[in-house]
Each structure stands twice: as C-alpha cells, then as structure tokens.
Amino acid sequence: MKLPNHGEARIPKGKVTGYLLSTTHRDGHHKAAFFMNYGFSAEEWEMLVNALLRHAAENEVVKTERTPFGTRYVVDGPLSTPSGRSVNVRVVWFIEHNETIPRLVTAYPLK
C-alpha cells in the first residue's frame, strides 16, 4: 500500500530547515549530518522536500498505527540524493482524523 493521498502530502519549510537540515537542532543535528553527507543543504531545502515526496510515491507503507489523533504511516525504502547515491531511509507521515493530507513527521536513515 502506498501512502494515502501522497500526491497532496505537505512538508513545511520549517520542518526541513529547522529540523532535518539543522546542525543546531537538539534532536535533528544527527539527521542533518546524514542528509548533508549526501548533498542536501538548508540553502536548497526544496531538494530534500522533492526527494521525500518522491520517496512517498515510490515506496510502500510498512507500518500503520492508529492513534487518538489520527493515523501514522511509516514508509521505508531508497531515497535519491543529490550526490547520485541512493540511501535507505524511514519516513514517517501523519494524517489527522477528519483530514486527508499527509504531513511529514520525521525522516532518518535505516540501519
């Protein structure tokens, strides 16, 4: 199963520049080091957004978890990077109850 409504998925700029590509974020700096190692940058943050949206369109949901607030979807698979290399990542999305648009929660490398 693909992420529901993946074509409408939303990734706010702040989630990317202030978290996934932030070298100073308490929890995100390790993720920033990982993504930057493969050519992503805060200056060209849209490249990571586009790669994550392609990731959602091309890979399958591996886990679904219903919560009191909505449904969490976990998508694992290869992510294309600006370096030309493909790396395996886990991307977590969330769709709130009574909503249809997936929002990015987090992304990180798979071991």
C-alpha atoms as a PDB file:
ATOM      1  CA  MET A   1       0.000   0.000   0.000  1.00  0.00           C
ATOM      2  CA  LYS A   2       1.207   3.485  -0.846  1.00  0.00           C
ATOM      3  CA  LEU A   3       0.871   6.459   1.483  1.00  0.00           C
ATOM      4  CA  PRO A   4      -2.744   7.633   1.096  1.00  0.00           C
ATOM      5  CA  ASN A   5      -3.005  10.865  -0.897  1.00  0.00           C
ATOM      6  CA  HIS A   6       0.781  11.045  -1.259  1.00  0.00           C
ATOM      7  CA  GLY A   7       0.310  13.483  -4.146  1.00  0.00           C
ATOM      8  CA  GLU A   8      -1.112  16.007  -1.689  1.00  0.00           C
ATOM      9  CA  ALA A   9       1.484  15.453   1.059  1.00  0.00           C
ATOM     10  CA  ARG A  10       2.799  18.549   2.813  1.00  0.00           C
ATOM     11  CA  ILE A  11       6.276  19.243   4.113  1.00  0.00           C
ATOM     12  CA  PRO A  12       6.653  22.683   5.719  1.00  0.00           C
ATOM     13  CA  LYS A  13       9.887  24.580   5.098  1.00  0.00           C
ATOM     14  CA  GLY A  14      10.427  24.871   8.854  1.00  0.00           C
ATOM     15  CA  LYS A  15      10.335  21.100   9.287  1.00  0.00           C
ATOM     16  CA  VAL A  16      13.178  20.790   6.795  1.00  0.00           C
ATOM     17  CA  THR A  17      15.337  23.827   7.575  1.00  0.00           C
ATOM     18  CA  GLY A  18      14.655  23.930  11.313  1.00  0.00           C
ATOM     19  CA  TYR A  19      14.850  20.194  11.965  1.00  0.00           C
ATOM     20  CA  LEU A  20      16.022  17.761   9.264  1.00  0.00           C
ATOM     21  CA  LEU A  21      18.765  20.042   7.916  1.00  0.00           C
ATOM     22  CA  SER A  22      19.529  21.983  11.106  1.00  0.00           C
ATOM     23  CA  THR A  23      23.001  21.409  12.511  1.00  0.00           C
ATOM     24  CA  THR A  24      21.964  23.127  15.754  1.00  0.00           C
ATOM     25  CA  HIS A  25      18.660  21.357  16.472  1.00  0.00           C
ATOM     26  CA  ARG A  26      18.945  19.244  19.630  1.00  0.00           C
ATOM     27  CA  ASP A  27      17.311  16.175  18.037  1.00  0.00           C
ATOM     28  CA  GLY A  28      17.808  16.921  14.348  1.00  0.00           C
ATOM     29  CA  HIS A  29      21.530  17.626  14.091  1.00  0.00           C
ATOM     30  CA  HIS A  30      22.395  13.954  13.524  1.00  0.00           C
ATOM     31  CA  LYS A  31      19.813  13.793  10.743  1.00  0.00           C
ATOM     32  CA  ALA A  32      21.247  16.978   9.240  1.00  0.00           C
ATOM     33  CA  ALA A  33      24.726  15.447   9.171  1.00  0.00           C
ATOM     34  CA  PHE A  34      23.332  12.367   7.439  1.00  0.00           C
ATOM     35  CA  PHE A  35      21.350  14.253   4.776  1.00  0.00           C
ATOM     36  CA  MET A  36      24.127  16.799   4.171  1.00  0.00           C
ATOM     37  CA  ASN A  37      26.593  13.949   3.656  1.00  0.00           C
ATOM     38  CA  TYR A  38      24.515  13.026   0.592  1.00  0.00           C
ATOM     39  CA  GLY A  39      24.380  16.528  -0.873  1.00  0.00           C
ATOM     40  CA  PHE A  40      21.263  18.046   0.687  1.00  0.00           C
ATOM     41  CA  SER A  41      21.553  21.549   2.169  1.00  0.00           C
ATOM     42  CA  ALA A  42      19.437  24.051   4.084  1.00  0.00           C
ATOM     43  CA  GLU A  43      20.035  26.605   1.318  1.00  0.00           C
ATOM     44  CA  GLU A  44      18.420  24.293  -1.234  1.00  0.00           C
ATOM     45  CA  TRP A  45      15.913  22.739   1.160  1.00  0.00           C
ATOM     46  CA  GLU A  46      13.408  22.134  -1.642  1.00  0.00           C
ATOM     47  CA  MET A  47      15.638  19.347  -2.971  1.00  0.00           C
ATOM     48  CA  LEU A  48      15.035  17.329   0.201  1.00  0.00           C
ATOM     49  CA  VAL A  49      11.295  18.091   0.055  1.00  0.00           C
ATOM     50  CA  ASN A  50      11.111  16.813  -3.518  1.00  0.00           C
ATOM     51  CA  ALA A  51      13.147  13.711  -2.671  1.00  0.00           C
ATOM     52  CA  LEU A  52      10.885  12.911   0.302  1.00  0.00           C
ATOM     53  CA  LEU A  53       7.758  13.374  -1.808  1.00  0.00           C
ATOM     54  CA  ARG A  54       9.191  11.025  -4.481  1.00  0.00           C
ATOM     55  CA  HIS A  55      10.060   8.576  -1.712  1.00  0.00           C
ATOM     56  CA  ALA A  56       6.402   8.552  -0.590  1.00  0.00           C
ATOM     57  CA  ALA A  57       5.204   7.984  -4.153  1.00  0.00           C
ATOM     58  CA  GLU A  58       7.677   5.210  -4.957  1.00  0.00           C
ATOM     59  CA  ASN A  59       7.786   3.150  -1.751  1.00  0.00           C
ATOM     60  CA  GLU A  60       5.290   1.151   0.249  1.00  0.00           C
ATOM     61  CA  VAL A  61       3.903   1.770   3.716  1.00  0.00           C
ATOM     62  CA  VAL A  62       5.493  -0.824   6.025  1.00  0.00           C
ATOM     63  CA  LYS A  63       3.608   0.060   9.205  1.00  0.00           C
ATOM     64  CA  THR A  64       0.357   1.822  10.082  1.00  0.00           C
ATOM     65  CA  GLU A  65      -0.538   2.923  13.594  1.00  0.00           C
ATOM     66  CA  ARG A  66      -3.851   4.434  14.620  1.00  0.00           C
ATOM     67  CA  THR A  67      -3.689   6.976  17.434  1.00  0.00           C
ATOM     68  CA  PRO A  68      -6.347   9.034  19.230  1.00  0.00           C
ATOM     69  CA  PHE A  69      -5.412  11.918  16.900  1.00  0.00           C
ATOM     70  CA  GLY A  70      -5.113  10.179  13.530  1.00  0.00           C
ATOM     71  CA  THR A  71      -3.025   7.607  11.671  1.00  0.00           C
ATOM     72  CA  ARG A  72       0.734   7.346  11.476  1.00  0.00           C
ATOM     73  CA  TYR A  73       2.287   5.815   8.352  1.00  0.00           C
ATOM     74  CA  VAL A  74       5.852   4.520   8.102  1.00  0.00           C
ATOM     75  CA  VAL A  75       7.422   4.310   4.645  1.00  0.00           C
ATOM     76  CA  ASP A  76      10.794   2.593   4.177  1.00  0.00           C
ATOM     77  CA  GLY A  77      12.900   2.487   1.051  1.00  0.00           C
ATOM     78  CA  PRO A  78      15.569   4.099  -1.086  1.00  0.00           C
ATOM     79  CA  LEU A  79      15.846   7.884  -1.284  1.00  0.00           C
ATOM     80  CA  SER A  80      17.506   9.504  -4.289  1.00  0.00           C
ATOM     81  CA  THR A  81      20.099  12.106  -3.276  1.00  0.00           C
ATOM     82  CA  PRO A  82      21.919  14.993  -4.977  1.00  0.00           C
ATOM     83  CA  SER A  83      25.170  13.024  -4.663  1.00  0.00           C
ATOM     84  CA  GLY A  84      23.747  10.484  -7.109  1.00  0.00           C
ATOM     85  CA  ARG A  85      23.686   7.795  -4.459  1.00  0.00           C
ATOM     86  CA  SER A  86      20.562   6.148  -3.125  1.00  0.00           C
ATOM     87  CA  VAL A  87      20.214   5.598   0.630  1.00  0.00           C
ATOM     88  CA  ASN A  88      17.639   3.656   2.613  1.00  0.00           C
ATOM     89  CA  VAL A  89      15.543   5.832   4.886  1.00  0.00           C
ATOM     90  CA  ARG A  90      12.440   5.621   7.012  1.00  0.00           C
ATOM     91  CA  VAL A  91       9.961   8.459   6.573  1.00  0.00           C
ATOM     92  CA  VAL A  92       7.067   8.906   8.982  1.00  0.00           C
ATOM     93  CA  TRP A  93       3.857  10.652   7.927  1.00  0.00           C
ATOM     94  CA  PHE A  94       0.703  11.536   9.854  1.00  0.00           C
ATOM     95  CA  ILE A  95      -2.888  12.110   8.757  1.00  0.00           C
ATOM     96  CA  GLU A  96      -5.128  13.650  11.398  1.00  0.00           C
ATOM     97  CA  HIS A  97      -8.682  12.409  11.949  1.00  0.00           C
ATOM     98  CA  ASN A  98     -11.126  14.050   9.536  1.00  0.00           C
ATOM     99  CA  GLU A  99      -8.205  15.097   7.300  1.00  0.00           C
ATOM    100  CA  THR A 100      -6.832  13.564   4.098  1.00  0.00           C
ATOM    101  CA  ILE A 101      -3.478  15.300   3.661  1.00  0.00           C
ATOM    102  CA  PRO A 102      -0.341  13.545   4.959  1.00  0.00           C
ATOM    103  CA  ARG A 103       2.130  15.696   6.894  1.00  0.00           C
ATOM    104  CA  LEU A 104       5.772  14.828   7.412  1.00  0.00           C
ATOM    105  CA  VAL A 105       6.720  13.839  10.959  1.00  0.00           C
ATOM    106  CA  THR A 106      10.350  12.779  10.524  1.00  0.00           C
ATOM    107  CA  ALA A 107      12.871  11.030   8.302  1.00  0.00           C
ATOM    108  CA  TYR A 108      16.038   9.166   9.232  1.00  0.00           C
ATOM    109  CA  PRO A 109      18.451   6.544   7.904  1.00  0.00           C
ATOM    110  CA  LEU A 110      17.649   2.859   8.178  1.00  0.00           C
ATOM    111  CA  LYS A 111      20.332   0.731   9.745  1.00  0.00           C
END
